[in-house]
Amino acid sequence: MQKVRYTFFLLGSFGFIISFLFSGFIFSFFVDSVNARGVKEAILSFEKEIEDKKRITQELEAQQQVYAQKISQKRKERVTLANQLAVLEDQMIETDLKVRTTESHIEEIKLEMEKLKKEVDLKNQFIFTKKEQLAALIRNIHQLDQRNFLETLLLSDQFTDMFLELEHLSNIQDDLRNALIELSEGKKELEIKIQTSADKKRELELMQNELSRQKERLEEQKGLKQTLISGTRSSEERFQELLILAKREQEEANQEIVSLETKVKEKLAELKKEEALQQLSSDFRWPVTKNTITTYFYDPDYPFRHIFEHPGLDIRAEQGTRIKASAGGYVARAKDAGYGYSYIMLIHSNNFATVYGHVSCILVEEDTFVTKGQDIGCVGGLPGTRGAGRLTTGPHLHFEIRQNGIPVDPLQYLP
């Protein structure tokens, strides 16, 4: 009789354990489903919005291609005032499309970041639920382990009861193993999503910087169009004269820069100062505070590319900003051209030279040495001001790095 009571007690306890385990899983599943439903719906909504933004971005990019082809075609035609103004108008439309494309892409990235945030929340919910399930499984295994194998054998009428109970314990252990695997995989997926979120944040920052640059370029294009109209008084004859003068000015400056480099090196050798030059470091720094580059090295969007290539960088800076020597060197030229194109040229070690164009003031003298970071001049470029030259696009510093007389991309050498 006592043995029967023990048997019923064990069966009751066993039933309670199964019931507890089952109800715990059901409760966790119910909570997970209720909490996750809203998050999943939000994720689906974000996915739809992202697809809509991608479609808009693709349409804007297709329109850009149309205007890029129009610009390319017009550049092959004879250079006239009407043609140049038409090119500028198309460039302004193309740049405006780039601005709108970038804005659309930024919105797309923000939506992706919000979607990732929801996915992280959902994964955290999953991990929390799995941890609860693991806790319940461990508690049940602990309770079953309180009875040793001998007790189970003595209290069972048949070996079948014992094997059923042991099989159940084995199943719980399998469930525990599977839950641990799912938890581990869930944590790995969470780490990936967190890293993806960080990558998206960096991408967003880059796109926002690009948007600022595009907006500034659009304003410059508008200013250049107005400068052309007012500078030529809408006269084709005056425009052609302006082109000839601008082209001659650039060619003379380029020829002078190339010939000066050879002459200065010979002069330094005669004066036995070449060794002093070679001892100076040719590690370059930004000549003005690093900020927006409005025109790049051999930039395909340079508005006067049909007249001459752009052999350096145009760096945005306020009129009058102090220009620093990019590296220690020798002042080969400090040309004050009045209201023409004024520039400063420095010779450096390792056959390097730097050129600083559109300067509104000169603070150094030729045939002297300067140190890295020393003030050498002032930024110009504002149309109609000293040193700006013709066809300028607004206040900026034109900066070149040359090696053996040949222009190289400054971005390869600047920090």
Protein backbone atom coordinates (compact mmCIF):
# COMPACT_ATOMS: atom_id res chain seq x y z
CA MET A 1 0.00 0.00 0.00
CA GLN A 2 2.85 2.34 0.92
CA LYS A 3 4.50 1.52 -2.37
CA VAL A 4 1.32 2.41 -4.28
CA ARG A 5 1.14 5.79 -2.51
CA TYR A 6 4.77 6.45 -3.46
CA THR A 7 4.00 5.52 -7.04
CA PHE A 8 0.98 7.87 -7.21
CA PHE A 9 3.06 10.60 -5.59
CA LEU A 10 5.79 10.22 -8.18
CA LEU A 11 3.34 10.12 -11.06
CA GLY A 12 1.63 13.24 -9.68
CA SER A 13 4.95 14.99 -9.30
CA PHE A 14 5.99 13.92 -12.75
CA GLY A 15 2.70 15.19 -14.20
CA PHE A 16 3.15 18.49 -12.37
CA ILE A 17 6.65 18.87 -13.82
CA ILE A 18 5.44 18.18 -17.37
CA SER A 19 2.53 20.57 -16.87
CA PHE A 20 4.85 23.27 -15.47
CA LEU A 21 7.32 22.84 -18.31
CA PHE A 22 4.62 22.89 -20.98
CA SER A 23 2.77 25.85 -19.46
CA GLY A 24 6.08 27.76 -19.17
CA PHE A 25 6.80 27.27 -22.86
CA ILE A 26 3.24 28.21 -23.82
CA PHE A 27 3.40 31.37 -21.69
CA SER A 28 6.79 32.39 -23.12
CA PHE A 29 5.58 31.71 -26.64
CA PHE A 30 2.43 33.76 -26.01
CA VAL A 31 4.39 36.72 -24.62
CA ASP A 32 6.89 36.50 -27.49
CA SER A 33 4.10 36.44 -30.08
CA VAL A 34 2.23 39.40 -28.59
CA ASN A 35 5.35 41.57 -28.19
CA ALA A 36 6.85 40.60 -31.54
CA ARG A 37 3.73 41.08 -33.65
CA GLY A 38 3.85 44.87 -33.49
CA VAL A 39 7.60 44.96 -34.13
CA LYS A 40 7.29 42.68 -37.16
CA GLU A 41 4.51 44.86 -38.60
CA ALA A 42 6.72 47.94 -38.15
CA ILE A 43 9.61 46.15 -39.93
CA LEU A 44 7.35 45.29 -42.89
CA SER A 45 6.20 48.92 -43.05
CA PHE A 46 9.82 50.14 -43.11
CA GLU A 47 10.69 47.64 -45.85
CA LYS A 48 7.89 49.03 -48.03
CA GLU A 49 9.03 52.61 -47.47
CA ILE A 50 12.64 51.65 -48.26
CA GLU A 51 11.56 50.06 -51.55
CA ASP A 52 9.62 53.24 -52.44
CA LYS A 53 12.70 55.39 -51.72
CA LYS A 54 14.91 53.11 -53.80
CA ARG A 55 12.52 53.47 -56.73
CA ILE A 56 12.58 57.30 -56.41
CA THR A 57 16.39 57.28 -56.18
CA GLN A 58 16.68 55.14 -59.33
CA GLU A 59 14.33 57.48 -61.24
CA LEU A 60 16.42 60.51 -60.21
CA GLU A 61 19.65 58.76 -61.23
CA ALA A 62 18.12 58.00 -64.65
CA GLN A 63 17.28 61.71 -65.09
CA GLN A 64 20.88 62.59 -64.16
CA GLN A 65 22.13 60.37 -66.98
CA VAL A 66 19.93 62.23 -69.46
CA TYR A 67 21.41 65.61 -68.47
CA ALA A 68 24.97 64.23 -68.32
CA GLN A 69 24.58 63.15 -71.98
CA LYS A 70 23.17 66.58 -72.93
CA ILE A 71 26.13 68.31 -71.25
CA SER A 72 28.62 65.99 -72.96
CA GLN A 73 27.03 66.72 -76.33
CA LYS A 74 27.00 70.50 -75.84
CA ARG A 75 30.67 70.47 -74.82
CA LYS A 76 31.51 69.06 -78.26
CA GLU A 77 29.88 72.03 -79.93
CA ARG A 78 31.55 75.37 -80.64
CA VAL A 79 32.17 77.36 -77.47
CA THR A 80 29.80 80.32 -77.47
CA LEU A 81 28.20 82.35 -74.72
CA ALA A 82 24.82 80.79 -75.44
CA ASN A 83 26.35 77.32 -75.44
CA GLN A 84 28.26 77.95 -72.18
CA LEU A 85 25.14 79.30 -70.47
CA ALA A 86 23.17 76.29 -71.71
CA VAL A 87 25.86 73.95 -70.33
CA LEU A 88 25.75 75.75 -66.99
CA GLU A 89 21.95 75.56 -66.93
CA ASP A 90 22.06 71.82 -67.58
CA GLN A 91 24.80 71.40 -64.96
CA MET A 92 22.62 73.23 -62.44
CA ILE A 93 19.71 70.91 -63.22
CA GLU A 94 22.02 67.88 -63.01
CA THR A 95 23.44 69.08 -59.67
CA ASP A 96 19.93 69.73 -58.36
CA LEU A 97 19.02 66.15 -59.33
CA LYS A 98 22.13 64.94 -57.48
CA VAL A 99 21.01 66.89 -54.42
CA ARG A 100 17.54 65.33 -54.58
CA THR A 101 19.08 61.87 -55.17
CA THR A 102 21.35 62.25 -52.16
CA GLU A 103 18.44 63.48 -50.04
CA SER A 104 16.41 60.46 -51.10
CA HIS A 105 19.31 58.16 -50.31
CA ILE A 106 19.72 59.77 -46.89
CA GLU A 107 16.04 59.16 -46.15
CA GLU A 108 16.51 55.57 -47.32
CA ILE A 109 19.45 55.09 -44.95
CA LYS A 110 17.47 56.58 -42.05
CA LEU A 111 14.61 54.15 -42.75
CA GLU A 112 17.08 51.25 -42.88
CA MET A 113 18.50 52.37 -39.54
CA GLU A 114 15.00 52.46 -38.01
CA LYS A 115 14.28 49.02 -39.47
CA LEU A 116 17.52 47.68 -38.00
CA LYS A 117 16.59 49.18 -34.64
CA LYS A 118 13.29 47.27 -34.71
CA GLU A 119 15.09 44.08 -35.76
CA VAL A 120 17.50 44.51 -32.85
CA ASP A 121 14.50 44.93 -30.50
CA LEU A 122 12.92 41.80 -31.94
CA LYS A 123 16.13 39.82 -31.57
CA ASN A 124 16.50 41.02 -27.97
CA GLN A 125 12.95 39.80 -27.28
CA PHE A 126 13.85 36.44 -28.82
CA ILE A 127 16.98 36.16 -26.64
CA PHE A 128 15.02 37.12 -23.50
CA THR A 129 12.38 34.45 -24.24
CA LYS A 130 15.04 31.82 -24.89
CA LYS A 131 16.74 32.66 -21.61
CA GLU A 132 13.42 32.15 -19.77
CA GLN A 133 12.91 28.82 -21.51
CA LEU A 134 16.43 27.76 -20.58
CA ALA A 135 15.82 28.70 -16.95
CA ALA A 136 12.62 26.60 -16.89
CA LEU A 137 14.39 23.62 -18.47
CA ILE A 138 17.27 23.81 -16.02
CA ARG A 139 14.88 23.97 -13.05
CA ASN A 140 13.01 20.90 -14.31
CA ILE A 141 16.19 18.95 -14.93
CA HIS A 142 17.35 19.86 -11.44
CA GLN A 143 14.08 18.57 -9.93
CA LEU A 144 14.28 15.32 -11.87
CA ASP A 145 17.92 14.87 -10.88
CA GLN A 146 16.99 15.02 -7.17
CA ARG A 147 15.89 11.36 -7.41
CA ASN A 148 18.67 8.92 -7.99
CA PHE A 149 18.54 5.96 -10.32
CA LEU A 150 18.11 3.40 -7.48
CA GLU A 151 15.08 5.23 -6.05
CA THR A 152 13.45 5.26 -9.49
CA LEU A 153 14.12 1.53 -9.86
CA LEU A 154 12.70 0.58 -6.42
CA LEU A 155 9.51 2.66 -6.72
CA SER A 156 8.61 1.50 -10.22
CA ASP A 157 6.32 -1.54 -10.73
CA GLN A 158 7.88 -2.15 -14.09
CA PHE A 159 11.11 -1.28 -15.80
CA THR A 160 8.96 0.42 -18.48
CA ASP A 161 8.05 3.23 -16.04
CA MET A 162 11.68 3.83 -15.30
CA PHE A 163 12.66 3.94 -18.97
CA LEU A 164 9.80 6.34 -19.77
CA GLU A 165 10.98 8.72 -17.07
CA LEU A 166 14.60 8.49 -18.16
CA GLU A 167 13.58 9.04 -21.78
CA HIS A 168 11.67 12.15 -20.71
CA LEU A 169 14.77 13.44 -18.93
CA SER A 170 16.79 12.81 -22.10
CA ASN A 171 14.23 14.76 -24.17
CA ILE A 172 14.44 17.70 -21.80
CA GLN A 173 18.22 17.65 -22.12
CA ASP A 174 17.87 17.66 -25.92
CA ASP A 175 15.52 20.64 -25.65
CA LEU A 176 18.09 22.36 -23.44
CA ARG A 177 20.85 21.73 -25.99
CA ASN A 178 18.69 23.08 -28.86
CA ALA A 179 17.69 26.14 -26.86
CA LEU A 180 21.35 26.90 -26.13
CA ILE A 181 22.19 26.65 -29.84
CA GLU A 182 19.30 28.97 -30.76
CA LEU A 183 20.37 31.44 -28.07
CA SER A 184 23.97 31.44 -29.33
CA GLU A 185 22.86 31.96 -32.95
CA GLY A 186 20.47 34.70 -31.83
CA LYS A 187 23.30 36.56 -30.11
CA LYS A 188 25.50 36.31 -33.21
CA GLU A 189 22.70 37.70 -35.40
CA LEU A 190 22.21 40.51 -32.89
CA GLU A 191 25.93 41.43 -33.05
CA ILE A 192 25.77 41.51 -36.87
CA LYS A 193 22.73 43.82 -36.83
CA ILE A 194 24.40 46.14 -34.30
CA GLN A 195 27.52 46.32 -36.52
CA THR A 196 25.34 46.96 -39.59
CA SER A 197 23.65 49.81 -37.71
CA ALA A 198 27.06 51.36 -36.98
CA ASP A 199 28.04 51.03 -40.66
CA LYS A 200 24.79 52.72 -41.72
CA LYS A 201 25.48 55.58 -39.32
CA ARG A 202 28.89 56.18 -40.90
CA GLU A 203 27.36 55.97 -44.38
CA LEU A 204 24.76 58.54 -43.34
CA GLU A 205 27.47 60.96 -42.19
CA LEU A 206 29.30 60.59 -45.52
CA MET A 207 26.11 61.17 -47.49
CA GLN A 208 25.29 64.28 -45.45
CA ASN A 209 28.76 65.68 -46.19
CA GLU A 210 28.28 64.91 -49.87
CA LEU A 211 24.90 66.67 -49.79
CA SER A 212 26.53 69.82 -48.37
CA ARG A 213 29.17 69.73 -51.11
CA GLN A 214 26.54 69.33 -53.84
CA LYS A 215 24.49 72.23 -52.51
CA GLU A 216 27.59 74.44 -52.42
CA ARG A 217 28.47 73.44 -55.98
CA LEU A 218 24.94 74.34 -57.09
CA GLU A 219 25.31 77.81 -55.54
CA GLU A 220 28.67 78.24 -57.28
CA GLN A 221 27.18 77.28 -60.63
CA LYS A 222 24.43 79.85 -60.14
CA GLY A 223 27.04 82.47 -59.23
CA LEU A 224 29.19 81.59 -62.24
CA LYS A 225 26.22 81.92 -64.57
CA GLN A 226 25.47 85.37 -63.17
CA THR A 227 29.15 86.33 -63.44
CA LEU A 228 29.22 85.31 -67.11
CA ILE A 229 26.09 87.29 -67.87
CA SER A 230 27.24 90.44 -66.08
CA GLY A 231 30.91 90.12 -67.14
CA THR A 232 30.08 89.80 -70.83
CA ARG A 233 26.94 91.96 -70.72
CA SER A 234 25.41 89.15 -72.78
CA SER A 235 27.79 89.99 -75.63
CA GLU A 236 29.22 87.11 -77.66
CA GLU A 237 32.18 89.27 -78.71
CA ARG A 238 33.07 90.13 -75.11
CA PHE A 239 32.70 86.45 -74.15
CA GLN A 240 35.16 85.33 -76.84
CA GLU A 241 37.63 88.01 -75.70
CA LEU A 242 37.25 86.77 -72.12
CA LEU A 243 37.93 83.19 -73.19
CA ILE A 244 41.09 84.15 -75.05
CA LEU A 245 42.40 86.16 -72.09
CA ALA A 246 41.56 83.44 -69.57
CA LYS A 247 43.19 80.72 -71.66
CA ARG A 248 46.31 82.85 -72.25
CA GLU A 249 46.52 83.66 -68.54
CA GLN A 250 46.42 79.98 -67.55
CA GLU A 251 48.90 78.89 -70.24
CA GLU A 252 51.38 81.61 -69.24
CA ALA A 253 51.09 80.63 -65.56
CA ASN A 254 51.60 76.96 -66.38
CA GLN A 255 54.62 77.60 -68.60
CA GLU A 256 56.13 79.87 -65.98
CA ILE A 257 55.65 77.28 -63.24
CA VAL A 258 57.28 74.52 -65.31
CA SER A 259 60.29 76.61 -66.34
CA LEU A 260 60.76 78.13 -62.89
CA GLU A 261 61.21 74.77 -61.22
CA THR A 262 64.27 73.94 -63.34
CA LYS A 263 65.76 77.43 -63.01
CA VAL A 264 65.28 77.58 -59.26
CA LYS A 265 66.97 74.20 -58.73
CA GLU A 266 69.96 75.37 -60.78
CA LYS A 267 70.06 78.61 -58.82
CA LEU A 268 69.93 76.81 -55.47
CA ALA A 269 72.77 74.54 -56.59
CA GLU A 270 74.92 77.56 -57.49
CA LEU A 271 74.17 79.20 -54.13
CA LYS A 272 74.85 75.87 -52.39
CA LYS A 273 71.40 75.97 -50.82
CA GLU A 274 70.06 72.81 -52.46
CA GLU A 275 71.24 70.70 -49.52
CA ALA A 276 69.27 72.92 -47.12
CA LEU A 277 66.17 72.39 -49.27
CA GLN A 278 66.58 68.62 -49.34
CA GLN A 279 66.75 68.52 -45.55
CA LEU A 280 63.21 69.92 -45.35
CA SER A 281 60.40 67.38 -45.06
CA SER A 282 58.05 66.99 -48.02
CA ASP A 283 55.19 65.76 -45.84
CA PHE A 284 52.30 68.00 -46.82
CA ARG A 285 49.56 69.61 -44.74
CA TRP A 286 46.36 71.34 -45.84
CA PRO A 287 47.13 74.93 -46.86
CA VAL A 288 43.80 76.05 -45.41
CA THR A 289 41.51 74.27 -42.95
CA LYS A 290 40.37 70.99 -44.48
CA ASN A 291 36.78 71.45 -45.64
CA THR A 292 34.70 71.32 -48.81
CA ILE A 293 36.51 70.63 -52.08
CA THR A 294 34.48 72.36 -54.78
CA THR A 295 36.54 71.09 -57.73
CA TYR A 296 38.74 68.00 -57.81
CA PHE A 297 41.91 67.09 -59.70
CA TYR A 298 41.04 66.90 -63.44
CA ASP A 299 37.39 67.13 -62.39
CA PRO A 300 35.07 66.07 -65.26
CA ASP A 301 32.48 68.58 -64.00
CA TYR A 302 34.88 71.53 -64.14
CA PRO A 303 32.89 74.22 -65.98
CA PHE A 304 35.83 75.35 -68.16
CA ARG A 305 37.22 71.95 -68.98
CA HIS A 306 36.79 72.64 -72.70
CA ILE A 307 39.32 75.49 -72.29
CA PHE A 308 41.87 73.85 -69.95
CA GLU A 309 42.00 70.96 -67.49
CA HIS A 310 41.89 71.53 -63.74
CA PRO A 311 45.34 70.43 -62.41
CA GLY A 312 44.63 70.76 -58.69
CA LEU A 313 42.02 71.16 -55.98
CA ASP A 314 39.71 74.10 -55.36
CA ILE A 315 39.24 74.30 -51.59
CA ARG A 316 36.42 76.41 -50.20
CA ALA A 317 37.64 79.24 -47.95
CA GLU A 318 36.48 82.74 -47.08
CA GLN A 319 38.00 85.67 -48.93
CA GLY A 320 41.09 86.82 -47.01
CA THR A 321 41.68 83.54 -45.13
CA ARG A 322 45.39 83.05 -44.39
CA ILE A 323 47.15 80.45 -46.56
CA LYS A 324 49.74 78.22 -44.87
CA ALA A 325 52.80 76.73 -46.58
CA SER A 326 51.87 73.09 -47.16
CA ALA A 327 55.50 72.08 -46.48
CA GLY A 328 58.78 73.82 -45.82
CA GLY A 329 60.34 75.13 -49.02
CA TYR A 330 61.78 77.89 -51.19
CA VAL A 331 59.64 80.72 -52.64
CA ALA A 332 60.21 80.40 -56.39
CA ARG A 333 57.44 82.81 -57.42
CA ALA A 334 55.14 85.25 -55.69
CA LYS A 335 53.27 86.82 -58.58
CA ASP A 336 50.97 89.77 -57.98
CA ALA A 337 48.99 90.10 -61.21
CA GLY A 338 46.75 92.89 -59.95
CA TYR A 339 43.22 91.85 -60.84
CA GLY A 340 44.55 88.97 -62.94
CA TYR A 341 45.53 85.50 -61.72
CA SER A 342 47.94 85.90 -58.77
CA TYR A 343 49.74 82.89 -57.34
CA ILE A 344 52.59 81.67 -55.12
CA MET A 345 54.89 78.78 -56.01
CA LEU A 346 57.09 76.91 -53.52
CA ILE A 347 59.86 74.43 -54.32
CA HIS A 348 60.22 71.48 -51.91
CA SER A 349 62.51 68.49 -51.46
CA ASN A 350 62.19 65.27 -53.49
CA ASN A 351 61.37 67.22 -56.69
CA PHE A 352 58.03 68.47 -55.35
CA ALA A 353 56.50 71.90 -55.84
CA THR A 354 53.24 73.47 -54.67
CA VAL A 355 51.15 76.22 -56.26
CA TYR A 356 48.62 78.45 -54.45
CA GLY A 357 46.31 80.26 -56.87
CA HIS A 358 43.74 83.12 -56.73
CA VAL A 359 45.63 84.81 -53.88
CA SER A 360 44.35 88.22 -52.81
CA CYS A 361 47.52 89.12 -50.86
CA ILE A 362 51.13 87.89 -50.75
CA LEU A 363 52.99 87.67 -47.42
CA VAL A 364 56.34 86.25 -48.59
CA GLU A 365 59.16 87.36 -50.86
CA GLU A 366 60.76 85.47 -53.69
CA ASP A 367 64.14 83.77 -53.11
CA THR A 368 63.43 83.12 -49.43
CA PHE A 369 62.79 79.98 -47.42
CA VAL A 370 59.52 79.33 -45.57
CA THR A 371 58.64 76.78 -42.92
CA LYS A 372 55.75 74.34 -42.93
CA GLY A 373 52.59 76.08 -41.70
CA GLN A 374 53.95 79.60 -42.19
CA ASP A 375 51.49 82.23 -43.49
CA ILE A 376 52.34 82.93 -47.13
CA GLY A 377 49.26 84.72 -48.50
CA CYS A 378 45.50 85.27 -48.43
CA VAL A 379 42.65 83.43 -50.15
CA GLY A 380 40.97 85.26 -53.04
CA GLY A 381 38.76 84.20 -55.91
CA LEU A 382 35.85 86.57 -55.40
CA PRO A 383 35.02 87.84 -58.92
CA GLY A 384 36.35 91.32 -59.57
CA THR A 385 38.86 91.34 -56.69
CA ARG A 386 42.66 91.37 -56.66
CA GLY A 387 44.30 88.12 -57.68
CA ALA A 388 41.04 86.40 -58.66
CA GLY A 389 41.70 86.31 -62.38
CA ARG A 390 39.08 85.74 -65.04
CA LEU A 391 36.34 83.11 -65.01
CA THR A 392 36.66 82.54 -61.26
CA THR A 393 33.82 80.68 -59.54
CA GLY A 394 33.94 82.42 -56.15
CA PRO A 395 36.16 82.60 -53.02
CA HIS A 396 38.45 79.56 -52.83
CA LEU A 397 42.07 78.47 -52.92
CA HIS A 398 43.36 76.72 -56.01
CA PHE A 399 46.04 74.28 -54.74
CA GLU A 400 48.41 72.17 -56.82
CA ILE A 401 51.12 69.65 -55.99
CA ARG A 402 53.62 68.95 -58.78
CA GLN A 403 56.36 66.36 -58.98
CA ASN A 404 59.10 66.81 -61.56
CA GLY A 405 56.95 69.59 -63.03
CA ILE A 406 53.91 67.34 -63.59
CA PRO A 407 50.65 67.96 -61.65
CA VAL A 408 49.64 65.11 -59.35
CA ASP A 409 46.46 64.59 -57.33
CA PRO A 410 46.99 66.46 -54.02
CA LEU A 411 44.63 64.08 -52.21
CA GLN A 412 47.26 61.35 -52.59
CA TYR A 413 49.66 63.39 -50.45
CA LEU A 414 47.47 65.33 -48.00
CA PRO A 415 46.62 63.80 -44.61
